[in-house]
Full PDB file with SEQRES, HELIX, SHEET, SSBOND, CRYST1, ORIGX, SCALE, CONECT and MASTER records, all heavy atoms in Angstrom:
SEQRES   1 A   34  SER VAL ASN ALA ILE ILE VAL SER LEU ALA LEU SER ASN          
SEQRES   2 A   34  LEU LEU PRO LYS LEU ASP ASN PRO SER ASN HIS HIS LEU          
SEQRES   3 A   34  ILE ILE PRO THR ILE ILE PHE VAL                              
HELIX    1 AA1 VAL A    2  LEU A    9  1                                   8    
HELIX    2 AA2 ALA A   10  LEU A   14  3                                   5    
HELIX    3 AA3 LEU A   15  ASP A   19  5                                   5    
HELIX    4 AA4 PRO A   21  LEU A   26  5                                   6    
HELIX    5 AA5 ILE A   27  PHE A   33  1                                   7    
CRYST1    1.000    1.000    1.000  90.00  90.00  90.00 P 1           1          
ORIGX1      1.000000  0.000000  0.000000        0.00000                         
ORIGX2      0.000000  1.000000  0.000000        0.00000                         
ORIGX3      0.000000  0.000000  1.000000        0.00000                         
SCALE1      1.000000  0.000000  0.000000        0.00000                         
SCALE2      0.000000  1.000000  0.000000        0.00000                         
SCALE3      0.000000  0.000000  1.000000        0.00000                         
ATOM      1  N   SER A   1     135.285  91.852  56.624  1.00  0.00           N  
ATOM      2  CA  SER A   1     135.343  90.331  56.771  1.00  0.00           C  
ATOM      3  C   SER A   1     136.322  89.992  57.788  1.00  0.00           C  
ATOM      4  O   SER A   1     136.063  89.105  58.643  1.00  0.00           O  
ATOM      5  CB  SER A   1     135.646  89.787  55.484  1.00  0.00           C  
ATOM      6  OG  SER A   1     134.758  90.047  54.477  1.00  0.00           O  
ATOM      7  N   VAL A   2     137.641  90.607  57.732  1.00  0.00           N  
ATOM      8  CA  VAL A   2     138.615  90.272  58.725  1.00  0.00           C  
ATOM      9  C   VAL A   2     138.120  90.550  60.158  1.00  0.00           C  
ATOM     10  O   VAL A   2     138.356  89.754  61.073  1.00  0.00           O  
ATOM     11  CB  VAL A   2     139.914  90.947  58.265  1.00  0.00           C  
ATOM     12  CG1 VAL A   2     140.896  90.894  59.452  1.00  0.00           C  
ATOM     13  CG2 VAL A   2     140.560  90.354  57.006  1.00  0.00           C  
ATOM     14  N   ASN A   3     137.637  91.876  60.285  1.00  0.00           N  
ATOM     15  CA  ASN A   3     137.236  92.148  61.588  1.00  0.00           C  
ATOM     16  C   ASN A   3     136.130  91.436  62.127  1.00  0.00           C  
ATOM     17  O   ASN A   3     135.811  91.096  63.328  1.00  0.00           O  
ATOM     18  CB  ASN A   3     136.954  93.709  61.605  1.00  0.00           C  
ATOM     19  CG  ASN A   3     138.141  94.585  61.569  1.00  0.00           C  
ATOM     20  OD1 ASN A   3     138.776  94.741  62.659  1.00  0.00           O  
ATOM     21  ND2 ASN A   3     138.430  95.188  60.457  1.00  0.00           N  
ATOM     22  N   ALA A   4     135.113  91.021  61.230  1.00  0.00           N  
ATOM     23  CA  ALA A   4     134.063  90.143  61.588  1.00  0.00           C  
ATOM     24  C   ALA A   4     134.490  88.771  62.174  1.00  0.00           C  
ATOM     25  O   ALA A   4     134.003  88.343  62.962  1.00  0.00           O  
ATOM     26  CB  ALA A   4     133.031  90.034  60.425  1.00  0.00           C  
ATOM     27  N   ILE A   5     135.473  88.244  61.379  1.00  0.00           N  
ATOM     28  CA  ILE A   5     136.072  86.915  61.723  1.00  0.00           C  
ATOM     29  C   ILE A   5     136.759  87.104  63.192  1.00  0.00           C  
ATOM     30  O   ILE A   5     136.646  86.186  64.079  1.00  0.00           O  
ATOM     31  CB  ILE A   5     137.054  86.546  60.799  1.00  0.00           C  
ATOM     32  CG1 ILE A   5     136.330  86.062  59.458  1.00  0.00           C  
ATOM     33  CG2 ILE A   5     137.834  85.269  61.357  1.00  0.00           C  
ATOM     34  CD1 ILE A   5     137.309  85.753  58.217  1.00  0.00           C  
ATOM     35  N   ILE A   6     137.457  88.206  63.367  1.00  0.00           N  
ATOM     36  CA  ILE A   6     138.096  88.447  64.600  1.00  0.00           C  
ATOM     37  C   ILE A   6     137.153  88.579  65.789  1.00  0.00           C  
ATOM     38  O   ILE A   6     137.345  87.861  66.893  1.00  0.00           O  
ATOM     39  CB  ILE A   6     139.071  89.728  64.504  1.00  0.00           C  
ATOM     40  CG1 ILE A   6     140.218  89.563  63.566  1.00  0.00           C  
ATOM     41  CG2 ILE A   6     139.519  90.151  65.878  1.00  0.00           C  
ATOM     42  CD1 ILE A   6     140.987  90.783  63.279  1.00  0.00           C  
ATOM     43  N   VAL A   7     136.169  89.300  65.495  1.00  0.00           N  
ATOM     44  CA  VAL A   7     135.146  89.384  66.673  1.00  0.00           C  
ATOM     45  C   VAL A   7     134.505  88.210  67.025  1.00  0.00           C  
ATOM     46  O   VAL A   7     134.167  87.816  68.105  1.00  0.00           O  
ATOM     47  CB  VAL A   7     134.065  90.414  66.167  1.00  0.00           C  
ATOM     48  CG1 VAL A   7     132.804  90.462  67.055  1.00  0.00           C  
ATOM     49  CG2 VAL A   7     134.658  91.838  66.233  1.00  0.00           C  
ATOM     50  N   SER A   8     134.172  87.375  65.924  1.00  0.00           N  
ATOM     51  CA  SER A   8     133.541  85.931  66.030  1.00  0.00           C  
ATOM     52  C   SER A   8     134.391  85.103  66.803  1.00  0.00           C  
ATOM     53  O   SER A   8     133.974  84.413  67.818  1.00  0.00           O  
ATOM     54  CB  SER A   8     133.216  85.274  64.681  1.00  0.00           C  
ATOM     55  OG  SER A   8     132.390  86.232  64.004  1.00  0.00           O  
ATOM     56  N   LEU A   9     135.736  85.138  66.580  1.00  0.00           N  
ATOM     57  CA  LEU A   9     136.713  84.296  67.315  1.00  0.00           C  
ATOM     58  C   LEU A   9     136.787  84.777  68.722  1.00  0.00           C  
ATOM     59  O   LEU A   9     136.861  83.957  69.666  1.00  0.00           O  
ATOM     60  CB  LEU A   9     138.029  84.355  66.618  1.00  0.00           C  
ATOM     61  CG  LEU A   9     138.048  83.505  65.280  1.00  0.00           C  
ATOM     62  CD1 LEU A   9     139.400  83.815  64.641  1.00  0.00           C  
ATOM     63  CD2 LEU A   9     137.899  82.059  65.413  1.00  0.00           C  
ATOM     64  N   ALA A  10     136.774  85.997  68.859  1.00  0.00           N  
ATOM     65  CA  ALA A  10     136.877  86.640  70.299  1.00  0.00           C  
ATOM     66  C   ALA A  10     135.709  86.263  71.169  1.00  0.00           C  
ATOM     67  O   ALA A  10     135.867  85.855  72.319  1.00  0.00           O  
ATOM     68  CB  ALA A  10     137.113  88.175  70.211  1.00  0.00           C  
ATOM     69  N   LEU A  11     134.529  86.423  70.524  1.00  0.00           N  
ATOM     70  CA  LEU A  11     133.264  86.080  71.230  1.00  0.00           C  
ATOM     71  C   LEU A  11     133.182  84.580  71.646  1.00  0.00           C  
ATOM     72  O   LEU A  11     132.675  84.121  72.572  1.00  0.00           O  
ATOM     73  CB  LEU A  11     132.042  86.463  70.341  1.00  0.00           C  
ATOM     74  CG  LEU A  11     131.796  88.049  70.308  1.00  0.00           C  
ATOM     75  CD1 LEU A  11     130.759  88.293  69.372  1.00  0.00           C  
ATOM     76  CD2 LEU A  11     131.704  88.584  71.785  1.00  0.00           C  
ATOM     77  N   SER A  12     133.656  83.637  70.650  1.00  0.00           N  
ATOM     78  CA  SER A  12     133.532  82.146  70.920  1.00  0.00           C  
ATOM     79  C   SER A  12     134.573  81.703  71.697  1.00  0.00           C  
ATOM     80  O   SER A  12     134.380  80.762  72.434  1.00  0.00           O  
ATOM     81  CB  SER A  12     133.488  81.590  69.577  1.00  0.00           C  
ATOM     82  OG  SER A  12     134.652  81.829  68.842  1.00  0.00           O  
ATOM     83  N   ASN A  13     135.787  82.260  71.734  1.00  0.00           N  
ATOM     84  CA  ASN A  13     136.889  81.626  72.358  1.00  0.00           C  
ATOM     85  C   ASN A  13     137.457  82.405  73.500  1.00  0.00           C  
ATOM     86  O   ASN A  13     137.920  81.819  74.501  1.00  0.00           O  
ATOM     87  CB  ASN A  13     138.230  81.349  71.275  1.00  0.00           C  
ATOM     88  CG  ASN A  13     137.711  80.383  70.275  1.00  0.00           C  
ATOM     89  OD1 ASN A  13     137.034  79.444  70.440  1.00  0.00           O  
ATOM     90  ND2 ASN A  13     138.018  80.619  68.949  1.00  0.00           N  
ATOM     91  N   LEU A  14     137.578  83.654  73.332  1.00  0.00           N  
ATOM     92  CA  LEU A  14     138.226  84.470  74.319  1.00  0.00           C  
ATOM     93  C   LEU A  14     137.308  84.947  75.526  1.00  0.00           C  
ATOM     94  O   LEU A  14     137.597  84.837  76.680  1.00  0.00           O  
ATOM     95  CB  LEU A  14     138.964  85.667  73.736  1.00  0.00           C  
ATOM     96  CG  LEU A  14     139.876  86.608  74.626  1.00  0.00           C  
ATOM     97  CD1 LEU A  14     141.043  85.610  75.290  1.00  0.00           C  
ATOM     98  CD2 LEU A  14     140.492  87.698  73.814  1.00  0.00           C  
ATOM     99  N   LEU A  15     136.166  85.467  75.176  1.00  0.00           N  
ATOM    100  CA  LEU A  15     135.321  85.952  76.233  1.00  0.00           C  
ATOM    101  C   LEU A  15     134.837  84.912  77.228  1.00  0.00           C  
ATOM    102  O   LEU A  15     134.760  85.263  78.467  1.00  0.00           O  
ATOM    103  CB  LEU A  15     134.128  86.634  75.474  1.00  0.00           C  
ATOM    104  CG  LEU A  15     134.461  87.992  74.896  1.00  0.00           C  
ATOM    105  CD1 LEU A  15     133.141  88.581  74.228  1.00  0.00           C  
ATOM    106  CD2 LEU A  15     135.013  88.970  75.814  1.00  0.00           C  
ATOM    107  N   PRO A  16     134.447  83.715  76.792  1.00  0.00           N  
ATOM    108  CA  PRO A  16     134.015  82.809  77.925  1.00  0.00           C  
ATOM    109  C   PRO A  16     135.080  82.504  78.880  1.00  0.00           C  
ATOM    110  O   PRO A  16     134.690  82.027  79.979  1.00  0.00           O  
ATOM    111  CB  PRO A  16     133.787  81.544  77.113  1.00  0.00           C  
ATOM    112  CG  PRO A  16     133.362  82.091  75.656  1.00  0.00           C  
ATOM    113  CD  PRO A  16     134.264  83.086  75.476  1.00  0.00           C  
ATOM    114  N   LYS A  17     136.306  82.659  78.619  1.00  0.00           N  
ATOM    115  CA  LYS A  17     137.420  82.185  79.543  1.00  0.00           C  
ATOM    116  C   LYS A  17     137.686  83.330  80.432  1.00  0.00           C  
ATOM    117  O   LYS A  17     138.560  83.249  81.313  1.00  0.00           O  
ATOM    118  CB  LYS A  17     138.799  81.954  78.724  1.00  0.00           C  
ATOM    119  CG  LYS A  17     138.524  80.725  77.804  1.00  0.00           C  
ATOM    120  CD  LYS A  17     139.828  80.432  77.087  1.00  0.00           C  
ATOM    121  CE  LYS A  17     139.601  79.225  76.154  1.00  0.00           C  
ATOM    122  NZ  LYS A  17     140.842  78.968  75.354  1.00  0.00           N  
ATOM    123  N   LEU A  18     137.095  84.621  80.278  1.00  0.00           N  
ATOM    124  CA  LEU A  18     137.393  85.717  81.125  1.00  0.00           C  
ATOM    125  C   LEU A  18     136.666  85.548  82.442  1.00  0.00           C  
ATOM    126  O   LEU A  18     137.052  86.282  83.432  1.00  0.00           O  
ATOM    127  CB  LEU A  18     136.968  87.059  80.461  1.00  0.00           C  
ATOM    128  CG  LEU A  18     137.682  87.435  79.227  1.00  0.00           C  
ATOM    129  CD1 LEU A  18     137.168  88.680  78.635  1.00  0.00           C  
ATOM    130  CD2 LEU A  18     139.170  87.561  79.549  1.00  0.00           C  
ATOM    131  N   ASP A  19     135.838  84.630  82.684  1.00  0.00           N  
ATOM    132  CA  ASP A  19     135.133  84.410  83.959  1.00  0.00           C  
ATOM    133  C   ASP A  19     136.053  83.792  85.002  1.00  0.00           C  
ATOM    134  O   ASP A  19     135.885  83.852  86.194  1.00  0.00           O  
ATOM    135  CB  ASP A  19     133.987  83.439  83.736  1.00  0.00           C  
ATOM    136  CG  ASP A  19     132.771  84.119  82.968  1.00  0.00           C  
ATOM    137  OD1 ASP A  19     132.717  85.384  83.008  1.00  0.00           O  
ATOM    138  OD2 ASP A  19     132.010  83.517  82.407  1.00  0.00           O  
ATOM    139  N   ASN A  20     137.150  83.049  84.463  1.00  0.00           N  
ATOM    140  CA  ASN A  20     138.036  82.351  85.240  1.00  0.00           C  
ATOM    141  C   ASN A  20     139.002  83.504  85.906  1.00  0.00           C  
ATOM    142  O   ASN A  20     139.502  84.431  85.267  1.00  0.00           O  
ATOM    143  CB  ASN A  20     138.949  81.468  84.399  1.00  0.00           C  
ATOM    144  CG  ASN A  20     139.778  80.591  85.308  1.00  0.00           C  
ATOM    145  OD1 ASN A  20     140.144  80.936  86.481  1.00  0.00           O  
ATOM    146  ND2 ASN A  20     140.062  79.351  84.707  1.00  0.00           N  
ATOM    147  N   PRO A  21     139.012  83.489  87.378  1.00  0.00           N  
ATOM    148  CA  PRO A  21     139.835  84.537  87.980  1.00  0.00           C  
ATOM    149  C   PRO A  21     141.285  84.684  87.540  1.00  0.00           C  
ATOM    150  O   PRO A  21     141.881  85.733  87.533  1.00  0.00           O  
ATOM    151  CB  PRO A  21     139.744  83.989  89.420  1.00  0.00           C  
ATOM    152  CG  PRO A  21     138.470  83.347  89.550  1.00  0.00           C  
ATOM    153  CD  PRO A  21     138.357  82.574  88.279  1.00  0.00           C  
ATOM    154  N   SER A  22     141.740  83.503  87.113  1.00  0.00           N  
ATOM    155  CA  SER A  22     143.117  83.535  86.663  1.00  0.00           C  
ATOM    156  C   SER A  22     143.401  84.326  85.291  1.00  0.00           C  
ATOM    157  O   SER A  22     144.513  84.534  84.917  1.00  0.00           O  
ATOM    158  CB  SER A  22     143.565  82.036  86.443  1.00  0.00           C  
ATOM    159  OG  SER A  22     143.079  81.429  85.399  1.00  0.00           O  
ATOM    160  N   ASN A  23     142.154  84.578  84.723  1.00  0.00           N  
ATOM    161  CA  ASN A  23     142.215  85.325  83.452  1.00  0.00           C  
ATOM    162  C   ASN A  23     141.797  86.644  83.507  1.00  0.00           C  
ATOM    163  O   ASN A  23     141.549  87.418  82.390  1.00  0.00           O  
ATOM    164  CB  ASN A  23     141.458  84.651  82.229  1.00  0.00           C  
ATOM    165  CG  ASN A  23     142.010  83.254  81.916  1.00  0.00           C  
ATOM    166  OD1 ASN A  23     143.240  83.064  82.003  1.00  0.00           O  
ATOM    167  ND2 ASN A  23     141.176  82.243  81.706  1.00  0.00           N  
ATOM    168  N   HIS A  24     141.506  87.238  84.681  1.00  0.00           N  
ATOM    169  CA  HIS A  24     141.046  88.625  84.830  1.00  0.00           C  
ATOM    170  C   HIS A  24     141.906  89.684  84.278  1.00  0.00           C  
ATOM    171  O   HIS A  24     141.679  90.791  83.900  1.00  0.00           O  
ATOM    172  CB  HIS A  24     140.785  88.919  86.360  1.00  0.00           C  
ATOM    173  CG  HIS A  24     139.504  88.299  86.789  1.00  0.00           C  
ATOM    174  ND1 HIS A  24     139.108  88.251  88.140  1.00  0.00           N  
ATOM    175  CD2 HIS A  24     138.600  87.458  86.175  1.00  0.00           C  
ATOM    176  CE1 HIS A  24     137.987  87.681  88.190  1.00  0.00           C  
ATOM    177  NE2 HIS A  24     137.766  87.136  86.974  1.00  0.00           N  
ATOM    178  N   HIS A  25     143.241  89.332  84.211  1.00  0.00           N  
ATOM    179  CA  HIS A  25     144.236  90.306  83.685  1.00  0.00           C  
ATOM    180  C   HIS A  25     143.927  90.554  82.193  1.00  0.00           C  
ATOM    181  O   HIS A  25     144.705  91.467  81.622  1.00  0.00           O  
ATOM    182  CB  HIS A  25     145.688  89.842  83.886  1.00  0.00           C  
ATOM    183  CG  HIS A  25     146.023  88.443  83.304  1.00  0.00           C  
ATOM    184  ND1 HIS A  25     145.662  87.390  83.802  1.00  0.00           N  
ATOM    185  CD2 HIS A  25     146.741  88.310  82.212  1.00  0.00           C  
ATOM    186  CE1 HIS A  25     146.057  86.364  83.032  1.00  0.00           C  
ATOM    187  NE2 HIS A  25     146.773  86.926  82.045  1.00  0.00           N  
ATOM    188  N   LEU A  26     143.244  89.577  81.533  1.00  0.00           N  
ATOM    189  CA  LEU A  26     143.066  89.757  80.080  1.00  0.00           C  
ATOM    190  C   LEU A  26     141.843  90.564  79.691  1.00  0.00           C  
ATOM    191  O   LEU A  26     141.522  90.833  78.662  1.00  0.00           O  
ATOM    192  CB  LEU A  26     142.957  88.291  79.533  1.00  0.00           C  
ATOM    193  CG  LEU A  26     144.177  87.474  79.696  1.00  0.00           C  
ATOM    194  CD1 LEU A  26     143.674  86.190  79.027  1.00  0.00           C  
ATOM    195  CD2 LEU A  26     145.304  87.982  78.900  1.00  0.00           C  
ATOM    196  N   ILE A  27     141.062  91.032  80.748  1.00  0.00           N  
ATOM    197  CA  ILE A  27     139.741  91.685  80.524  1.00  0.00           C  
ATOM    198  C   ILE A  27     140.031  93.055  79.721  1.00  0.00           C  
ATOM    199  O   ILE A  27     139.402  93.348  78.629  1.00  0.00           O  
ATOM    200  CB  ILE A  27     138.996  91.895  81.703  1.00  0.00           C  
ATOM    201  CG1 ILE A  27     138.542  90.693  82.357  1.00  0.00           C  
ATOM    202  CG2 ILE A  27     137.868  92.941  81.502  1.00  0.00           C  
ATOM    203  CD1 ILE A  27     137.782  90.863  83.735  1.00  0.00           C  
ATOM    204  N   ILE A  28     140.975  93.822  80.274  1.00  0.00           N  
ATOM    205  CA  ILE A  28     141.224  95.180  79.677  1.00  0.00           C  
ATOM    206  C   ILE A  28     141.793  95.043  78.243  1.00  0.00           C  
ATOM    207  O   ILE A  28     141.354  95.559  77.241  1.00  0.00           O  
ATOM    208  CB  ILE A  28     142.117  95.997  80.468  1.00  0.00           C  
ATOM    209  CG1 ILE A  28     141.412  96.344  81.799  1.00  0.00           C  
ATOM    210  CG2 ILE A  28     142.632  97.324  79.698  1.00  0.00           C  
ATOM    211  CD1 ILE A  28     142.174  97.119  82.924  1.00  0.00           C  
ATOM    212  N   PRO A  29     142.787  94.214  77.977  1.00  0.00           N  
ATOM    213  CA  PRO A  29     143.367  93.907  76.623  1.00  0.00           C  
ATOM    214  C   PRO A  29     142.248  93.439  75.635  1.00  0.00           C  
ATOM    215  O   PRO A  29     142.216  93.864  74.512  1.00  0.00           O  
ATOM    216  CB  PRO A  29     144.344  92.882  76.878  1.00  0.00           C  
ATOM    217  CG  PRO A  29     144.938  93.123  78.148  1.00  0.00           C  
ATOM    218  CD  PRO A  29     143.660  93.380  78.981  1.00  0.00           C  
ATOM    219  N   THR A  30     141.419  92.642  76.161  1.00  0.00           N  
ATOM    220  CA  THR A  30     140.371  92.141  75.286  1.00  0.00           C  
ATOM    221  C   THR A  30     139.249  93.179  74.893  1.00  0.00           C  
ATOM    222  O   THR A  30     138.965  93.340  73.733  1.00  0.00           O  
ATOM    223  CB  THR A  30     139.517  91.019  76.033  1.00  0.00           C  
ATOM    224  OG1 THR A  30     140.399  89.939  76.352  1.00  0.00           O  
ATOM    225  CG2 THR A  30     138.452  90.371  75.098  1.00  0.00           C  
ATOM    226  N   ILE A  31     138.934  94.097  75.981  1.00  0.00           N  
ATOM    227  CA  ILE A  31     138.088  95.265  75.591  1.00  0.00           C  
ATOM    228  C   ILE A  31     138.654  96.131  74.603  1.00  0.00           C  
ATOM    229  O   ILE A  31     138.011  96.511  73.653  1.00  0.00           O  
ATOM    230  CB  ILE A  31     137.751  95.935  76.923  1.00  0.00           C  
ATOM    231  CG1 ILE A  31     136.822  95.012  77.857  1.00  0.00           C  
ATOM    232  CG2 ILE A  31     137.028  97.338  76.644  1.00  0.00           C  
ATOM    233  CD1 ILE A  31     136.668  95.760  79.166  1.00  0.00           C  
ATOM    234  N   ILE A  32     140.150  96.420  74.758  1.00  0.00           N  
ATOM    235  CA  ILE A  32     140.701  97.233  73.750  1.00  0.00           C  
ATOM    236  C   ILE A  32     140.641  96.554  72.435  1.00  0.00           C  
ATOM    237  O   ILE A  32     140.284  97.332  71.354  1.00  0.00           O  
ATOM    238  CB  ILE A  32     142.170  97.571  74.252  1.00  0.00           C  
ATOM    239  CG1 ILE A  32     142.153  98.318  75.540  1.00  0.00           C  
ATOM    240  CG2 ILE A  32     143.000  98.242  73.100  1.00  0.00           C  
ATOM    241  CD1 ILE A  32     143.531  98.509  76.158  1.00  0.00           C  
ATOM    242  N   PHE A  33     141.045  95.393  72.343  1.00  0.00           N  
ATOM    243  CA  PHE A  33     141.009  94.627  71.045  1.00  0.00           C  
ATOM    244  C   PHE A  33     139.688  94.606  70.467  1.00  0.00           C  
ATOM    245  O   PHE A  33     139.550  94.942  69.200  1.00  0.00           O  
ATOM    246  CB  PHE A  33     141.468  93.199  71.392  1.00  0.00           C  
ATOM    247  CG  PHE A  33     141.538  92.288  70.070  1.00  0.00           C  
ATOM    248  CD1 PHE A  33     142.546  92.695  69.053  1.00  0.00           C  
ATOM    249  CD2 PHE A  33     140.787  91.156  70.067  1.00  0.00           C  
ATOM    250  CE1 PHE A  33     142.674  91.913  67.921  1.00  0.00           C  
ATOM    251  CE2 PHE A  33     140.903  90.375  68.945  1.00  0.00           C  
ATOM    252  CZ  PHE A  33     141.908  90.676  67.833  1.00  0.00           C  
ATOM    253  N   VAL A  34     138.665  94.246  71.159  1.00  0.00           N  
ATOM    254  CA  VAL A  34     137.275  94.091  70.577  1.00  0.00           C  
ATOM    255  C   VAL A  34     136.777  95.593  70.230  1.00  0.00           C  
ATOM    256  O   VAL A  34     136.132  95.810  69.143  1.00  0.00           O  
ATOM    257  CB  VAL A  34     136.300  93.594  71.640  1.00  0.00           C  
ATOM    258  CG1 VAL A  34     134.836  93.673  70.999  1.00  0.00           C  
ATOM    259  CG2 VAL A  34     136.652  92.068  71.787  1.00  0.00           C  
TER     260      VAL A  34                                                      
MASTER        0    0    0    5    0    0    0    6  259    1    0    3          
END                                                                             
């Protein structure tokens, strides 16, 4: 349940913001986290 919530939050809040060039440095940490 915890991991499902985390993945849901990541998909809904974090991944859409990675398209912004200013957030490219978060791609690798996000991949590791997911």
